[in-house]
PDB file of N, CA and C in Angstrom:
ATOM      1  N   LEU A   1       0.891  -1.662  -0.310  1.00  0.00           N
ATOM      2  CA  LEU A   1       0.153   0.004   0.209  1.00  0.00           C
ATOM      3  C   LEU A   1       0.683   1.133   0.367  1.00  0.00           C
ATOM      4  N   PRO A   2       0.137   2.455  -0.241  1.00  0.00           N
ATOM      5  CA  PRO A   2       1.324   3.789  -0.376  1.00  0.00           C
ATOM      6  C   PRO A   2       1.352   4.149   0.655  1.00  0.00           C
ATOM      7  N   SER A   3       2.543   4.860   1.055  1.00  0.00           N
ATOM      8  CA  SER A   3       2.904   5.354   2.214  1.00  0.00           C
ATOM      9  C   SER A   3       2.491   6.678   2.616  1.00  0.00           C
ATOM     10  N   SER A   4       2.358   7.463   1.408  1.00  0.00           N
ATOM     11  CA  SER A   4       1.910   8.276   1.433  1.00  0.00           C
ATOM     12  C   SER A   4       0.977   8.608  -0.017  1.00  0.00           C
ATOM     13  N   ASN A   5      -0.638   9.475   0.481  1.00  0.00           N
ATOM     14  CA  ASN A   5      -1.823   8.844  -0.521  1.00  0.00           C
ATOM     15  C   ASN A   5      -1.163  10.775  -1.573  1.00  0.00           C
ATOM     16  N   ALA A   6      -1.602  10.550  -2.769  1.00  0.00           N
ATOM     17  CA  ALA A   6      -1.934  11.544  -3.893  1.00  0.00           C
ATOM     18  C   ALA A   6      -2.491  12.490  -2.999  1.00  0.00           C
ATOM     19  N   ASP A   7      -2.549  13.829  -3.458  1.00  0.00           N
ATOM     20  CA  ASP A   7      -3.060  14.670  -2.749  1.00  0.00           C
ATOM     21  C   ASP A   7      -3.682  16.358  -3.838  1.00  0.00           C
ATOM     22  N   TYR A   8      -4.604  16.560  -3.894  1.00  0.00           N
ATOM     23  CA  TYR A   8      -4.563  17.948  -4.776  1.00  0.00           C
ATOM     24  C   TYR A   8      -4.559  19.206  -3.697  1.00  0.00           C
ATOM     25  N   LEU A   9      -3.990  20.111  -5.412  1.00  0.00           N
ATOM     26  CA  LEU A   9      -3.606  21.428  -4.461  1.00  0.00           C
ATOM     27  C   LEU A   9      -4.622  22.754  -4.358  1.00  0.00           C
ATOM     28  N   ASN A  10      -4.332  23.546  -4.238  1.00  0.00           N
ATOM     29  CA  ASN A  10      -5.522  24.512  -4.331  1.00  0.00           C
ATOM     30  C   ASN A  10      -5.897  24.783  -5.826  1.00  0.00           C
ATOM     31  N   ASN A  11      -6.745  23.946  -6.159  1.00  0.00           N
ATOM     32  CA  ASN A  11      -7.378  23.804  -7.529  1.00  0.00           C
ATOM     33  C   ASN A  11      -8.424  24.545  -7.623  1.00  0.00           C
ATOM     34  N   PRO A  12      -8.756  25.732  -8.883  1.00  0.00           N
ATOM     35  CA  PRO A  12     -10.449  26.059  -8.659  1.00  0.00           C
ATOM     36  C   PRO A  12     -11.547  24.905  -8.314  1.00  0.00           C
ATOM     37  N   LYS A  13     -12.745  25.659  -8.090  1.00  0.00           N
ATOM     38  CA  LYS A  13     -13.832  24.696  -7.593  1.00  0.00           C
ATOM     39  C   LYS A  13     -14.633  24.831  -8.601  1.00  0.00           C
ATOM     40  N   PRO A  14     -15.260  23.619  -8.954  1.00  0.00           N
ATOM     41  CA  PRO A  14     -15.849  22.773 -10.403  1.00  0.00           C
ATOM     42  C   PRO A  14     -17.086  23.743 -10.476  1.00  0.00           C
ATOM     43  N   VAL A  15     -17.249  24.281 -12.042  1.00  0.00           N
ATOM     44  CA  VAL A  15     -18.173  24.908 -12.297  1.00  0.00           C
ATOM     45  C   VAL A  15     -19.543  24.583 -12.048  1.00  0.00           C
ATOM     46  N   TYR A  16     -20.419  24.818 -11.482  1.00  0.00           N
ATOM     47  CA  TYR A  16     -21.665  24.430 -11.413  1.00  0.00           C
ATOM     48  C   TYR A  16     -22.827  24.561 -12.535  1.00  0.00           C
ATOM     49  N   PRO A  17     -23.121  23.635 -12.929  1.00  0.00           N
ATOM     50  CA  PRO A  17     -23.989  23.562 -14.451  1.00  0.00           C
ATOM     51  C   PRO A  17     -25.124  24.666 -14.341  1.00  0.00           C
ATOM     52  N   ALA A  18     -25.346  25.457 -15.074  1.00  0.00           N
ATOM     53  CA  ALA A  18     -26.537  26.691 -14.998  1.00  0.00           C
ATOM     54  C   ALA A  18     -27.660  26.104 -15.097  1.00  0.00           C
ATOM     55  N   MET A  19     -27.756  24.982 -15.895  1.00  0.00           N
ATOM     56  CA  MET A  19     -28.938  24.054 -15.527  1.00  0.00           C
ATOM     57  C   MET A  19     -29.560  23.516 -14.299  1.00  0.00           C
ATOM     58  N   SER A  20     -28.527  22.991 -13.549  1.00  0.00           N
ATOM     59  CA  SER A  20     -28.480  21.940 -12.550  1.00  0.00           C
ATOM     60  C   SER A  20     -28.622  23.418 -11.712  1.00  0.00           C
ATOM     61  N   LYS A  21     -28.680  24.618 -11.798  1.00  0.00           N
ATOM     62  CA  LYS A  21     -29.094  25.382 -10.334  1.00  0.00           C
ATOM     63  C   LYS A  21     -30.036  25.854 -10.492  1.00  0.00           C
ATOM     64  N   ARG A  22     -30.854  26.194 -11.687  1.00  0.00           N
ATOM     65  CA  ARG A  22     -32.052  26.344 -11.924  1.00  0.00           C
ATOM     66  C   ARG A  22     -32.871  25.275 -11.325  1.00  0.00           C
ATOM     67  N   LEU A  23     -32.761  23.995 -11.777  1.00  0.00           N
ATOM     68  CA  LEU A  23     -33.140  23.023 -11.290  1.00  0.00           C
ATOM     69  C   LEU A  23     -33.038  22.484 -10.061  1.00  0.00           C
ATOM     70  N   GLY A  24     -32.230  23.267  -9.357  1.00  0.00           N
ATOM     71  CA  GLY A  24     -32.145  23.141  -8.204  1.00  0.00           C
ATOM     72  C   GLY A  24     -31.486  21.864  -7.631  1.00  0.00           C
ATOM     73  N   GLU A  25     -30.422  21.108  -8.783  1.00  0.00           N
ATOM     74  CA  GLU A  25     -30.167  19.869  -8.279  1.00  0.00           C
ATOM     75  C   GLU A  25     -28.509  19.923  -7.500  1.00  0.00           C
ATOM     76  N   GLN A  26     -28.570  19.234  -6.634  1.00  0.00           N
ATOM     77  CA  GLN A  26     -27.105  19.055  -5.433  1.00  0.00           C
ATOM     78  C   GLN A  26     -26.686  17.673  -5.194  1.00  0.00           C
ATOM     79  N   GLY A  27     -26.254  17.469  -4.513  1.00  0.00           N
ATOM     80  CA  GLY A  27     -25.490  15.648  -4.312  1.00  0.00           C
ATOM     81  C   GLY A  27     -24.263  16.179  -4.340  1.00  0.00           C
ATOM     82  N   LYS A  28     -23.376  14.756  -3.998  1.00  0.00           N
ATOM     83  CA  LYS A  28     -22.063  14.683  -3.843  1.00  0.00           C
ATOM     84  C   LYS A  28     -21.666  13.716  -5.021  1.00  0.00           C
ATOM     85  N   THR A  29     -20.842  14.071  -5.908  1.00  0.00           N
ATOM     86  CA  THR A  29     -20.083  12.902  -6.870  1.00  0.00           C
ATOM     87  C   THR A  29     -18.600  12.645  -5.990  1.00  0.00           C
ATOM     88  N   ILE A  30     -18.398  11.518  -6.335  1.00  0.00           N
ATOM     89  CA  ILE A  30     -16.966  10.829  -5.698  1.00  0.00           C
ATOM     90  C   ILE A  30     -16.096  10.154  -7.508  1.00  0.00           C
ATOM     91  N   VAL A  31     -15.177  11.456  -7.487  1.00  0.00           N
ATOM     92  CA  VAL A  31     -14.587  10.572  -9.040  1.00  0.00           C
ATOM     93  C   VAL A  31     -13.088  10.482  -8.545  1.00  0.00           C
ATOM     94  N   ARG A  32     -13.097   9.263  -9.519  1.00  0.00           N
ATOM     95  CA  ARG A  32     -11.792   8.294  -9.046  1.00  0.00           C
ATOM     96  C   ARG A  32     -11.034   8.750 -10.065  1.00  0.00           C
ATOM     97  N   VAL A  33      -9.620   9.194  -9.521  1.00  0.00           N
ATOM     98  CA  VAL A  33      -8.632   9.672 -10.832  1.00  0.00           C
ATOM     99  C   VAL A  33      -7.337   9.258 -10.513  1.00  0.00           C
ATOM    100  N   LEU A  34      -6.451   8.773 -11.661  1.00  0.00           N
ATOM    101  CA  LEU A  34      -5.458   8.452 -11.934  1.00  0.00           C
ATOM    102  C   LEU A  34      -4.847   9.592 -12.010  1.00  0.00           C
ATOM    103  N   ILE A  35      -3.311   9.479 -11.158  1.00  0.00           N
ATOM    104  CA  ILE A  35      -2.569  10.951 -10.874  1.00  0.00           C
ATOM    105  C   ILE A  35      -1.547  10.047 -11.587  1.00  0.00           C
ATOM    106  N   GLY A  36      -0.575  10.661 -12.216  1.00  0.00           N
ATOM    107  CA  GLY A  36       0.940  10.089 -12.763  1.00  0.00           C
ATOM    108  C   GLY A  36       1.814  10.975 -12.123  1.00  0.00           C
ATOM    109  N   VAL A  37       3.006  10.278 -12.326  1.00  0.00           N
ATOM    110  CA  VAL A  37       3.911  10.916 -11.517  1.00  0.00           C
ATOM    111  C   VAL A  37       4.582  12.497 -11.339  1.00  0.00           C
ATOM    112  N   ASP A  38       3.477  12.605 -12.879  1.00  0.00           N
ATOM    113  CA  ASP A  38       4.106  14.431 -13.224  1.00  0.00           C
ATOM    114  C   ASP A  38       3.016  15.182 -12.443  1.00  0.00           C
ATOM    115  N   GLY A  39       2.189  14.496 -11.732  1.00  0.00           N
ATOM    116  CA  GLY A  39       0.994  15.458 -11.056  1.00  0.00           C
ATOM    117  C   GLY A  39      -0.311  15.554 -11.618  1.00  0.00           C
ATOM    118  N   LEU A  40       0.143  15.132 -12.523  1.00  0.00           N
ATOM    119  CA  LEU A  40      -1.126  15.528 -13.896  1.00  0.00           C
ATOM    120  C   LEU A  40      -2.081  14.114 -13.827  1.00  0.00           C
ATOM    121  N   PRO A  41      -3.960  14.336 -13.583  1.00  0.00           N
ATOM    122  CA  PRO A  41      -4.597  13.066 -14.005  1.00  0.00           C
ATOM    123  C   PRO A  41      -4.373  12.836 -15.488  1.00  0.00           C
ATOM    124  N   LYS A  42      -4.706  11.397 -15.312  1.00  0.00           N
ATOM    125  CA  LYS A  42      -4.331  10.762 -16.476  1.00  0.00           C
ATOM    126  C   LYS A  42      -5.808  10.028 -17.098  1.00  0.00           C
ATOM    127  N   SER A  43      -6.716   9.823 -15.846  1.00  0.00           N
ATOM    128  CA  SER A  43      -7.943   9.562 -16.140  1.00  0.00           C
ATOM    129  C   SER A  43      -8.733   9.846 -15.544  1.00  0.00           C
ATOM    130  N   ALA A  44      -9.720   9.693 -15.863  1.00  0.00           N
ATOM    131  CA  ALA A  44     -10.670  10.150 -13.916  1.00  0.00           C
ATOM    132  C   ALA A  44     -12.199   9.340 -14.731  1.00  0.00           C
ATOM    133  N   SER A  45     -13.315   8.431 -13.662  1.00  0.00           N
ATOM    134  CA  SER A  45     -13.946   8.172 -13.879  1.00  0.00           C
ATOM    135  C   SER A  45     -14.897   8.318 -12.375  1.00  0.00           C
ATOM    136  N   ILE A  46     -16.577   7.988 -12.631  1.00  0.00           N
ATOM    137  CA  ILE A  46     -17.168   8.576 -11.726  1.00  0.00           C
ATOM    138  C   ILE A  46     -16.999   6.944 -10.691  1.00  0.00           C
ATOM    139  N   ARG A  47     -16.759   7.286  -9.314  1.00  0.00           N
ATOM    140  CA  ARG A  47     -17.297   6.188  -8.276  1.00  0.00           C
ATOM    141  C   ARG A  47     -18.380   6.331  -7.756  1.00  0.00           C
ATOM    142  N   GLU A  48     -18.957   7.667  -6.933  1.00  0.00           N
ATOM    143  CA  GLU A  48     -20.261   7.539  -6.889  1.00  0.00           C
ATOM    144  C   GLU A  48     -20.933   8.768  -7.867  1.00  0.00           C
ATOM    145  N   SER A  49     -22.123   8.662  -7.872  1.00  0.00           N
ATOM    146  CA  SER A  49     -22.975   9.256  -9.053  1.00  0.00           C
ATOM    147  C   SER A  49     -23.937  10.531  -7.577  1.00  0.00           C
ATOM    148  N   SER A  50     -23.953  11.550  -8.166  1.00  0.00           N
ATOM    149  CA  SER A  50     -24.501  12.284  -7.372  1.00  0.00           C
ATOM    150  C   SER A  50     -26.146  11.989  -7.619  1.00  0.00           C
ATOM    151  N   GLY A  51     -26.508  11.470  -8.702  1.00  0.00           N
ATOM    152  CA  GLY A  51     -27.763  11.272  -9.077  1.00  0.00           C
ATOM    153  C   GLY A  51     -28.184  12.023 -10.424  1.00  0.00           C
ATOM    154  N   TYR A  52     -26.948  13.068 -10.671  1.00  0.00           N
ATOM    155  CA  TYR A  52     -27.453  13.891 -11.754  1.00  0.00           C
ATOM    156  C   TYR A  52     -26.501  13.981 -12.579  1.00  0.00           C
ATOM    157  N   GLU A  53     -26.488  13.459 -14.118  1.00  0.00           N
ATOM    158  CA  GLU A  53     -25.617  13.332 -14.831  1.00  0.00           C
ATOM    159  C   GLU A  53     -24.616  14.618 -15.483  1.00  0.00           C
ATOM    160  N   ARG A  54     -25.353  15.607 -15.182  1.00  0.00           N
ATOM    161  CA  ARG A  54     -24.707  17.025 -15.394  1.00  0.00           C
ATOM    162  C   ARG A  54     -23.854  17.430 -14.581  1.00  0.00           C
ATOM    163  N   LEU A  55     -24.013  16.858 -13.195  1.00  0.00           N
ATOM    164  CA  LEU A  55     -23.127  17.246 -12.053  1.00  0.00           C
ATOM    165  C   LEU A  55     -21.981  16.612 -12.031  1.00  0.00           C
ATOM    166  N   ASP A  56     -22.336  15.157 -12.063  1.00  0.00           N
ATOM    167  CA  ASP A  56     -21.097  13.935 -12.149  1.00  0.00           C
ATOM    168  C   ASP A  56     -20.106  14.127 -13.542  1.00  0.00           C
ATOM    169  N   GLU A  57     -20.612  14.877 -14.571  1.00  0.00           N
ATOM    170  CA  GLU A  57     -19.494  15.526 -15.985  1.00  0.00           C
ATOM    171  C   GLU A  57     -18.901  16.395 -15.850  1.00  0.00           C
ATOM    172  N   ALA A  58     -19.766  17.746 -14.908  1.00  0.00           N
ATOM    173  CA  ALA A  58     -19.157  18.691 -14.637  1.00  0.00           C
ATOM    174  C   ALA A  58     -17.795  18.275 -13.417  1.00  0.00           C
ATOM    175  N   ALA A  59     -18.099  17.513 -12.575  1.00  0.00           N
ATOM    176  CA  ALA A  59     -16.715  17.120 -11.649  1.00  0.00           C
ATOM    177  C   ALA A  59     -16.078  16.502 -12.168  1.00  0.00           C
ATOM    178  N   ARG A  60     -16.031  15.506 -13.339  1.00  0.00           N
ATOM    179  CA  ARG A  60     -15.224  14.972 -13.564  1.00  0.00           C
ATOM    180  C   ARG A  60     -14.093  16.086 -14.641  1.00  0.00           C
ATOM    181  N   THR A  61     -15.028  16.627 -15.428  1.00  0.00           N
ATOM    182  CA  THR A  61     -14.228  17.376 -16.125  1.00  0.00           C
ATOM    183  C   THR A  61     -13.287  18.588 -15.080  1.00  0.00           C
ATOM    184  N   ALA A  62     -13.697  18.847 -13.961  1.00  0.00           N
ATOM    185  CA  ALA A  62     -13.055  19.715 -13.310  1.00  0.00           C
ATOM    186  C   ALA A  62     -11.982  19.296 -12.958  1.00  0.00           C
ATOM    187  N   VAL A  63     -11.911  17.734 -12.135  1.00  0.00           N
ATOM    188  CA  VAL A  63     -10.667  17.202 -11.481  1.00  0.00           C
ATOM    189  C   VAL A  63      -9.558  16.698 -12.890  1.00  0.00           C
ATOM    190  N   LEU A  64     -10.130  16.646 -14.041  1.00  0.00           N
ATOM    191  CA  LEU A  64      -9.284  16.092 -15.188  1.00  0.00           C
ATOM    192  C   LEU A  64      -7.907  17.647 -15.835  1.00  0.00           C
ATOM    193  N   SER A  65      -8.839  18.660 -15.147  1.00  0.00           N
ATOM    194  CA  SER A  65      -8.120  20.071 -15.220  1.00  0.00           C
ATOM    195  C   SER A  65      -7.167  20.463 -14.232  1.00  0.00           C
ATOM    196  N   TRP A  66      -7.185  19.293 -12.491  1.00  0.00           N
ATOM    197  CA  TRP A  66      -6.801  19.942 -12.331  1.00  0.00           C
ATOM    198  C   TRP A  66      -5.467  19.323 -12.082  1.00  0.00           C
ATOM    199  N   ARG A  67      -4.184  20.030 -11.100  1.00  0.00           N
ATOM    200  CA  ARG A  67      -3.031  19.838 -10.970  1.00  0.00           C
ATOM    201  C   ARG A  67      -2.820  18.521  -9.110  1.00  0.00           C
ATOM    202  N   TYR A  68      -2.228  17.881  -9.301  1.00  0.00           N
ATOM    203  CA  TYR A  68      -2.195  17.080  -7.908  1.00  0.00           C
ATOM    204  C   TYR A  68      -0.865  17.054  -7.659  1.00  0.00           C
ATOM    205  N   VAL A  69      -0.559  16.670  -6.412  1.00  0.00           N
ATOM    206  CA  VAL A  69       0.535  16.083  -5.600  1.00  0.00           C
ATOM    207  C   VAL A  69       0.563  14.719  -5.578  1.00  0.00           C
ATOM    208  N   PRO A  70       1.758  13.991  -6.206  1.00  0.00           N
ATOM    209  CA  PRO A  70       1.460  12.648  -6.981  1.00  0.00           C
ATOM    210  C   PRO A  70       1.709  11.921  -5.289  1.00  0.00           C
ATOM    211  N   GLY A  71       1.444  10.524  -5.815  1.00  0.00           N
ATOM    212  CA  GLY A  71       1.174   9.875  -4.323  1.00  0.00           C
ATOM    213  C   GLY A  71       2.911   9.267  -4.098  1.00  0.00           C
ATOM    214  N   LYS A  72       3.376   8.518  -3.325  1.00  0.00           N
ATOM    215  CA  LYS A  72       4.471   7.781  -3.129  1.00  0.00           C
ATOM    216  C   LYS A  72       4.115   6.606  -2.468  1.00  0.00           C
ATOM    217  N   ARG A  73       5.325   5.909  -2.512  1.00  0.00           N
ATOM    218  CA  ARG A  73       5.559   4.435  -2.199  1.00  0.00           C
ATOM    219  C   ARG A  73       6.536   4.197  -1.587  1.00  0.00           C
ATOM    220  N   ASN A  74       6.644   4.083  -0.106  1.00  0.00           N
ATOM    221  CA  ASN A  74       8.532   4.245   0.096  1.00  0.00           C
ATOM    222  C   ASN A  74       9.236   5.353  -0.223  1.00  0.00           C
ATOM    223  N   GLY A  75       8.909   6.421  -0.296  1.00  0.00           N
ATOM    224  CA  GLY A  75       9.778   7.917  -1.022  1.00  0.00           C
ATOM    225  C   GLY A  75       9.737   8.084  -2.090  1.00  0.00           C
ATOM    226  N   VAL A  76       8.794   6.795  -3.077  1.00  0.00           N
ATOM    227  CA  VAL A  76       9.238   6.872  -4.686  1.00  0.00           C
ATOM    228  C   VAL A  76       7.554   6.983  -5.265  1.00  0.00           C
ATOM    229  N   VAL A  77       8.187   8.336  -5.818  1.00  0.00           N
ATOM    230  CA  VAL A  77       7.017   8.989  -6.865  1.00  0.00           C
ATOM    231  C   VAL A  77       6.255   7.835  -7.664  1.00  0.00           C
ATOM    232  N   GLU A  78       4.875   7.406  -7.741  1.00  0.00           N
ATOM    233  CA  GLU A  78       4.401   6.320  -8.481  1.00  0.00           C
ATOM    234  C   GLU A  78       3.061   6.950  -8.851  1.00  0.00           C
ATOM    235  N   PRO A  79       2.455   6.492 -10.327  1.00  0.00           N
ATOM    236  CA  PRO A  79       1.165   6.882 -10.305  1.00  0.00           C
ATOM    237  C   PRO A  79       0.226   6.148  -9.426  1.00  0.00           C
ATOM    238  N   MET A  80      -0.930   6.936  -9.080  1.00  0.00           N
ATOM    239  CA  MET A  80      -1.615   5.949  -7.894  1.00  0.00           C
ATOM    240  C   MET A  80      -3.320   6.847  -8.436  1.00  0.00           C
ATOM    241  N   GLU A  81      -4.128   6.192  -8.017  1.00  0.00           N
ATOM    242  CA  GLU A  81      -5.458   6.268  -7.941  1.00  0.00           C
ATOM    243  C   GLU A  81      -6.139   7.109  -6.387  1.00  0.00           C
ATOM    244  N   PHE A  82      -6.908   7.422  -6.867  1.00  0.00           N
ATOM    245  CA  PHE A  82      -7.281   9.122  -5.788  1.00  0.00           C
ATOM    246  C   PHE A  82      -8.781   9.035  -6.174  1.00  0.00           C
ATOM    247  N   ASN A  83      -9.755   9.200  -4.524  1.00  0.00           N
ATOM    248  CA  ASN A  83     -10.848   9.552  -4.885  1.00  0.00           C
ATOM    249  C   ASN A  83     -11.164  11.207  -4.389  1.00  0.00           C
ATOM    250  N   VAL A  84     -11.490  12.040  -5.342  1.00  0.00           N
ATOM    251  CA  VAL A  84     -12.025  13.116  -5.076  1.00  0.00           C
ATOM    252  C   VAL A  84     -13.229  13.217  -5.049  1.00  0.00           C
ATOM    253  N   PRO A  85     -13.751  13.964  -3.580  1.00  0.00           N
ATOM    254  CA  PRO A  85     -15.286  14.001  -3.459  1.00  0.00           C
ATOM    255  C   PRO A  85     -15.332  15.524  -3.876  1.00  0.00           C
ATOM    256  N   ILE A  86     -16.776  15.735  -4.572  1.00  0.00           N
ATOM    257  CA  ILE A  86     -16.942  17.273  -4.672  1.00  0.00           C
ATOM    258  C   ILE A  86     -18.622  16.833  -4.456  1.00  0.00           C
ATOM    259  N   ASN A  87     -18.933  18.007  -3.505  1.00  0.00           N
ATOM    260  CA  ASN A  87     -19.993  18.413  -3.196  1.00  0.00           C
ATOM    261  C   ASN A  87     -20.711  19.754  -3.603  1.00  0.00           C
ATOM    262  N   TRP A  88     -21.979  19.263  -4.146  1.00  0.00           N
ATOM    263  CA  TRP A  88     -22.923  20.237  -4.932  1.00  0.00           C
ATOM    264  C   TRP A  88     -23.668  20.573  -4.125  1.00  0.00           C
ATOM    265  N   VAL A  89     -23.784  21.827  -3.812  1.00  0.00           N
ATOM    266  CA  VAL A  89     -24.328  22.347  -2.755  1.00  0.00           C
ATOM    267  C   VAL A  89     -25.150  24.011  -3.180  1.00  0.00           C
ATOM    268  N   LEU A  90     -26.246  24.266  -3.356  1.00  0.00           N
ATOM    269  CA  LEU A  90     -26.638  25.362  -3.801  1.00  0.00           C
ATOM    270  C   LEU A  90     -27.047  26.247  -2.471  1.00  0.00           C
ATOM    271  N   ASN A  91     -26.531  27.722  -2.590  1.00  0.00           N
ATOM    272  CA  ASN A  91     -26.798  28.430  -1.440  1.00  0.00           C
ATOM    273  C   ASN A  91     -27.896  29.195  -1.475  1.00  0.00           C
TER     274      ASN A  91
END
């Protein structure tokens, strides 16, 4: 098992889809992202849906545009999968 998990940096919040705002869609999306040794996402998939495809796709798009701190195993940087939770809450 990895000795330290990958982590995300100070990335911008995902853009809340305008139609989702109008329809009052809220929920939590968990995106599974594969982070390369360069800290860039290689792939992402929806691990847990918010129940709204629009929100899930916005979360996946955001996560794929972010930069990360790569994970390490025994002090060696290596590709690693990481769960990124995105909470969709209307204020």
